[in-house]
Protein backbone atom coordinates (compact mmCIF):
# COMPACT_ATOMS: atom_id res chain seq x y z
CA MET A 1 0.04 -0.05 0.01
CA ASN A 2 1.38 3.38 -0.84
CA ARG A 3 0.87 6.65 1.06
CA PHE A 4 -1.81 7.90 -1.34
CA GLN A 5 -3.84 4.81 -0.98
CA PHE A 6 -3.61 5.10 2.85
CA VAL A 7 -4.95 8.62 2.61
CA ALA A 8 -7.73 7.49 0.38
CA ASP A 9 -8.70 4.61 2.75
CA HIS A 10 -8.79 6.90 5.88
CA GLN A 11 -9.85 10.25 4.52
CA ARG A 12 -13.44 10.03 5.82
CA ARG A 13 -12.28 9.55 9.38
CA TYR A 14 -9.38 11.91 9.56
CA GLY A 15 -9.60 14.20 6.50
CA VAL A 16 -7.22 14.64 3.61
CA LYS A 17 -5.52 17.72 4.88
CA ARG A 18 -4.61 16.12 8.28
CA LEU A 19 -3.44 12.82 6.72
CA CYS A 20 -1.31 14.60 4.12
CA THR A 21 0.31 16.75 6.76
CA ILE A 22 1.14 13.75 8.94
CA LEU A 23 2.51 11.69 6.01
CA GLY A 24 4.45 14.65 4.54
CA ILE A 25 2.83 14.64 1.12
CA ALA A 26 1.22 17.55 -0.71
CA ARG A 27 -2.57 17.56 -0.99
CA SER A 28 -2.25 18.45 -4.72
CA SER A 29 -0.14 15.28 -5.23
CA PHE A 30 -2.80 13.18 -3.59
CA HIS A 31 -5.60 14.66 -5.70
CA HIS A 32 -3.44 14.24 -8.81
CA TRP A 33 -3.05 10.56 -7.88
CA ARG A 34 -6.78 10.11 -7.58
CA ARG A 35 -7.43 11.97 -10.85
CA THR A 36 -5.01 9.72 -12.76
CA ALA A 37 -6.16 6.33 -11.38
CA ALA A 38 -7.87 5.37 -14.60
CA ASP A 39 -4.80 6.15 -16.61
CA ARG A 40 -2.60 4.01 -14.33
CA ALA A 41 -5.12 1.20 -14.65
CA ALA A 42 -5.07 1.38 -18.39
CA ARG A 43 -1.25 1.44 -18.49
CA GLN A 44 -1.12 -1.65 -16.28
CA ALA A 45 -3.55 -3.43 -18.58
CA ASP A 46 -1.44 -2.47 -21.54
CA ASP A 47 1.73 -3.63 -19.82
CA ALA A 48 0.03 -6.96 -19.03
CA ARG A 49 -0.92 -7.39 -22.72
CA LEU A 50 2.61 -6.42 -23.75
CA ALA A 51 4.10 -8.88 -21.21
CA ALA A 52 2.14 -11.67 -22.86
CA ARG A 53 3.54 -10.79 -26.30
CA ILE A 54 6.99 -10.43 -24.93
CA ARG A 55 6.73 -13.93 -23.23
CA ALA A 56 5.63 -15.33 -26.61
CA VAL A 57 8.58 -13.85 -28.46
CA HIS A 58 10.97 -14.88 -25.68
CA ARG A 59 9.64 -18.48 -25.77
CA GLU A 60 9.96 -18.58 -29.53
CA SER A 61 13.56 -17.59 -29.27
CA GLU A 62 14.06 -20.31 -26.69
CA GLY A 63 14.92 -17.72 -24.08
CA THR A 64 17.85 -16.23 -25.90
CA TYR A 65 16.45 -12.85 -27.07
CA GLY A 66 17.09 -9.83 -24.95
CA VAL A 67 15.60 -6.42 -24.93
CA ALA A 68 16.92 -5.16 -28.27
CA ARG A 69 15.87 -8.13 -30.29
CA ILE A 70 12.49 -8.51 -28.60
CA THR A 71 11.83 -4.74 -29.24
CA ALA A 72 12.77 -5.22 -32.91
CA GLU A 73 10.43 -8.22 -33.20
CA LEU A 74 7.51 -6.34 -31.57
CA ARG A 75 8.13 -3.32 -33.87
CA GLU A 76 8.21 -5.65 -36.83
CA ALA A 77 4.82 -6.99 -35.78
CA GLY A 78 3.44 -3.46 -35.70
CA GLU A 79 3.67 -2.83 -31.97
CA ARG A 80 4.65 0.76 -30.94
CA VAL A 81 7.13 0.18 -28.12
CA ASN A 82 10.56 1.42 -27.16
CA HIS A 83 13.47 -0.44 -25.58
CA LYS A 84 13.00 1.11 -22.18
CA ARG A 85 9.44 -0.07 -21.82
CA THR A 86 10.32 -3.50 -23.09
CA ALA A 87 13.13 -3.66 -20.52
CA ARG A 88 10.77 -2.58 -17.66
CA VAL A 89 8.13 -5.16 -18.63
CA MET A 90 10.73 -7.92 -19.00
CA ARG A 91 12.13 -7.14 -15.60
CA GLY A 92 8.77 -7.28 -14.11
CA ALA A 93 8.03 -10.67 -15.79
CA GLY A 94 11.44 -12.01 -14.75
CA LEU A 95 12.67 -12.48 -18.31
CA ALA A 96 16.23 -11.99 -19.59
CA GLY A 97 18.13 -12.84 -22.66
CA VAL A 98 21.28 -14.91 -22.91
CA ASP A 99 24.62 -13.18 -22.95
CA ALA A 100 26.49 -14.92 -25.78
CA TRP A 101 29.88 -13.89 -24.48
CA ARG A 102 29.35 -15.71 -21.25
CA HIS A 103 28.20 -18.94 -22.76
CA GLY A 104 31.06 -19.88 -25.03
CA ALA A 105 30.13 -17.99 -28.12
CA ALA A 106 33.25 -15.91 -27.68
CA ALA A 107 35.43 -18.84 -28.73
CA VAL A 108 33.36 -19.24 -31.95
CA LEU A 109 33.11 -15.64 -32.79
CA ARG A 110 36.73 -14.81 -31.74
CA PRO A 111 38.81 -18.03 -32.36
CA TRP A 112 41.80 -16.55 -30.57
CA VAL A 113 39.86 -16.58 -27.32
CA ARG A 114 39.88 -19.79 -25.37
CA ALA A 115 36.51 -20.57 -23.77
């Protein structure tokens, strides 16, 4: 529970002004938080939908694709997304690509390096 939710839950009993003063938050911030609740809910729904698409691309690549390649695949499929959002959603879903340099690919790509 965040501070704003606490104020919303207890505002009838104690009042917004008193709760905001005690918690050290601006009343305008609380009211902004309440006004933008629908936008946050829509963004979370979009992120959940995007996470499902990212999981599908990640599964198709057998867990090897990282942020850059998944972003490229999504853009190719017509999704409007940037690499920062892809990275945030992947972190939230617990997904990560494979670092080729740490898994022996260095010896193949750079024969002078011994794996």
